[in-house]
């Protein structure tokens, strides 16, 4: 057994890689803290709105119906991507059938978004 083979086994092991990654992350965190801008935070930057401007609560209103429709679109396209990724190895018309079903689901939701 050579000396280099033992060192190579240690260097390519998972625990060694984890320790190196954690140490590298800690070093970058420490370095970022050392070179970051220092100073007293202004009162405006501690406000709930980022630029320090007061934002009235009544102006922040979310249309939940539109949000729900976009959330359903996201779920439909997420399922479509998963189904296509897992069914492309199967022969035949199965991937096209999945895509057609998802297209019909999106077509049924289109009138809801226009309201």
Protein backbone atom coordinates (compact mmCIF):
# COMPACT_ATOMS: atom_id res chain seq x y z
CA UNK A 1 0.00 0.00 0.00
CA UNK A 2 1.36 3.36 -1.01
CA UNK A 3 1.38 6.46 1.12
CA UNK A 4 -0.60 8.45 -1.49
CA UNK A 5 -3.45 5.93 -1.61
CA UNK A 6 -4.29 6.39 2.09
CA UNK A 7 -4.23 10.17 1.83
CA UNK A 8 -6.39 10.03 -1.29
CA UNK A 9 -8.97 7.90 0.53
CA UNK A 10 -9.14 10.42 3.37
CA UNK A 11 -9.33 13.48 1.10
CA UNK A 12 -12.12 11.98 -1.03
CA UNK A 13 -14.20 10.80 1.94
CA UNK A 14 -17.58 12.38 2.67
CA UNK A 15 -16.80 13.46 6.27
CA UNK A 16 -13.61 15.21 5.16
CA UNK A 17 -15.52 17.05 2.42
CA UNK A 18 -18.20 18.08 4.91
CA UNK A 19 -15.63 19.43 7.38
CA UNK A 20 -13.83 21.35 4.61
CA UNK A 21 -17.16 22.83 3.39
CA UNK A 22 -18.14 23.93 6.92
CA UNK A 23 -14.72 25.45 7.57
CA UNK A 24 -14.81 27.26 4.24
CA UNK A 25 -18.28 28.61 5.02
CA UNK A 26 -17.17 29.81 8.45
CA UNK A 27 -14.10 31.49 6.97
CA UNK A 28 -16.23 33.30 4.37
CA UNK A 29 -18.69 34.38 7.07
CA UNK A 30 -15.87 35.70 9.24
CA UNK A 31 -14.23 37.46 6.28
CA UNK A 32 -17.53 39.07 5.29
CA UNK A 33 -17.99 40.36 8.83
CA UNK A 34 -14.49 41.87 8.78
CA UNK A 35 -14.83 43.68 5.45
CA UNK A 36 -18.47 44.77 5.73
CA UNK A 37 -19.43 48.39 6.25
CA UNK A 38 -19.54 49.42 9.88
CA UNK A 39 -21.61 52.13 11.42
CA UNK A 40 -24.69 52.94 13.40
CA UNK A 41 -27.93 51.96 11.63
CA UNK A 42 -30.23 54.87 10.93
CA UNK A 43 -33.70 54.91 12.40
CA UNK A 44 -35.28 54.73 8.96
CA UNK A 45 -33.53 51.49 8.07
CA UNK A 46 -34.99 49.78 11.13
CA UNK A 47 -38.54 50.53 10.00
CA UNK A 48 -40.74 47.76 8.70
CA UNK A 49 -40.67 49.15 5.16
CA UNK A 50 -37.22 48.94 3.56
CA UNK A 51 -36.65 52.56 2.56
CA UNK A 52 -37.90 53.95 5.85
CA UNK A 53 -41.04 55.44 4.39
CA UNK A 54 -44.22 54.82 6.33
CA UNK A 55 -46.55 52.55 4.37
CA UNK A 56 -50.24 52.68 5.32
CA UNK A 57 -51.62 49.21 6.00
CA UNK A 58 -54.84 49.82 4.08
CA UNK A 59 -52.93 50.11 0.80
CA UNK A 60 -51.55 46.59 1.10
CA UNK A 61 -54.38 44.37 -0.07
CA UNK A 62 -53.91 41.05 -1.81
CA UNK A 63 -56.54 39.70 -4.16
CA UNK A 64 -56.80 36.15 -2.84
CA UNK A 65 -58.76 34.84 -5.81
CA UNK A 66 -56.03 35.87 -8.25
CA UNK A 67 -53.38 34.51 -5.90
CA UNK A 68 -55.22 31.19 -5.71
CA UNK A 69 -55.45 30.94 -9.50
CA UNK A 70 -51.70 31.57 -9.86
CA UNK A 71 -51.02 29.02 -7.12
CA UNK A 72 -53.08 26.43 -9.01
CA UNK A 73 -51.19 27.28 -12.22
CA UNK A 74 -47.93 26.69 -10.38
CA UNK A 75 -49.12 23.32 -9.08
CA UNK A 76 -50.33 22.28 -12.54
CA UNK A 77 -47.05 23.16 -14.22
CA UNK A 78 -45.05 21.59 -11.40
CA UNK A 79 -46.95 18.32 -11.78
CA UNK A 80 -46.59 18.53 -15.57
CA UNK A 81 -42.82 18.93 -15.29
CA UNK A 82 -42.60 15.97 -12.91
CA UNK A 83 -44.82 13.77 -15.07
CA UNK A 84 -42.93 14.60 -18.24
CA UNK A 85 -39.58 14.04 -16.57
CA UNK A 86 -40.60 10.62 -15.30
CA UNK A 87 -42.56 9.49 -18.34
CA UNK A 88 -40.20 10.39 -21.17
CA UNK A 89 -38.53 6.99 -20.90
CA UNK A 90 -41.82 5.19 -21.45
CA UNK A 91 -42.68 4.41 -25.07
CA UNK A 92 -45.87 5.48 -26.74
CA UNK A 93 -48.23 8.34 -26.30
CA UNK A 94 -48.20 8.57 -22.49
CA UNK A 95 -46.10 11.78 -22.21
CA UNK A 96 -48.25 13.50 -24.82
CA UNK A 97 -51.40 12.41 -22.97
CA UNK A 98 -50.07 13.91 -19.72
CA UNK A 99 -49.26 17.17 -21.48
CA UNK A 100 -52.72 17.28 -23.08
CA UNK A 101 -54.45 16.73 -19.74
CA UNK A 102 -52.44 19.55 -18.17
CA UNK A 103 -53.17 21.83 -21.14
CA UNK A 104 -56.88 21.20 -20.68
CA UNK A 105 -56.57 22.01 -16.96
CA UNK A 106 -54.90 25.33 -17.79
CA UNK A 107 -57.54 26.08 -20.44
CA UNK A 108 -60.27 25.55 -17.86
CA UNK A 109 -58.63 28.02 -15.48
CA UNK A 110 -58.12 30.81 -18.04
CA UNK A 111 -61.60 32.36 -17.57
CA UNK A 112 -60.91 32.72 -13.84
CA UNK A 113 -57.86 34.91 -14.36
CA UNK A 114 -59.68 37.40 -16.60
CA UNK A 115 -62.15 38.49 -13.91
